[in-house]
Amino acid sequence: MNIRQPLLAFAIAFLTIACIPSERSSCSGAERDAEQVVVARDNHGRELLLVSRQGHLMTRETARAFDRLAAHASRDGVRLVIRSGYRSYAQQVVVAQRFGLYDRGGRAARPGTSPHGRGNALDLDDGRGYRWLARVAPLYGFRRTVPREPWHFAFQGPPATATTDEPEERPAGWPFVTQ
């Protein structure tokens, strides 16, 4: 593999991202905070407005659901860590080159098809072999969408009704209230 290809793809990915000041952020140096809004493109070239949590970009709706999930984790004594969030198309190309395509036995989606490119997928770690996440994440609208990746969760919105594979409990503040 030519080393210039992944580096070029990575550089292009960051050139397409720009900062837009929000009510609480001017996007300059120390003024940056968790609600800084970043403009990026989804898998189909449409504009996405993203925010950051733990240094990873995601849609604001995904971030708010993650905040509620992380608060639940904290109450349960679980340290929830984001390993990956939004990936531009160029970043998806790099990941596919590095890990191989899922349909060929690898660990990456075909570039342009990953929910990471829509800003609503997170690779999460609960430090407990993903058991806590498997039980609690669906309460906050996160679903495991890749069978071979117990860390991969896509935010699909709050569940309409509980199913037999979801816990019966509901988190504090249910149903979701936009802050």
Foldseek 3Di string as FASTA:
>chain_A
DDPVLLVVLVVVQVVQKDWDADPQAPPDDPSDDQPTWIWGAFLVRDIATWGDDLRETAHPLLVVLVVLVCVVCVVVVWHKDWPYFADALSRLVVVCVVFNDVVVVTDGHDRSPDCSRVRFKTQMDRPPPLPVVQACVLLSQWDDDDVVRSRITGRDGHDPDDDPSYDPDHGPCPPPDDD
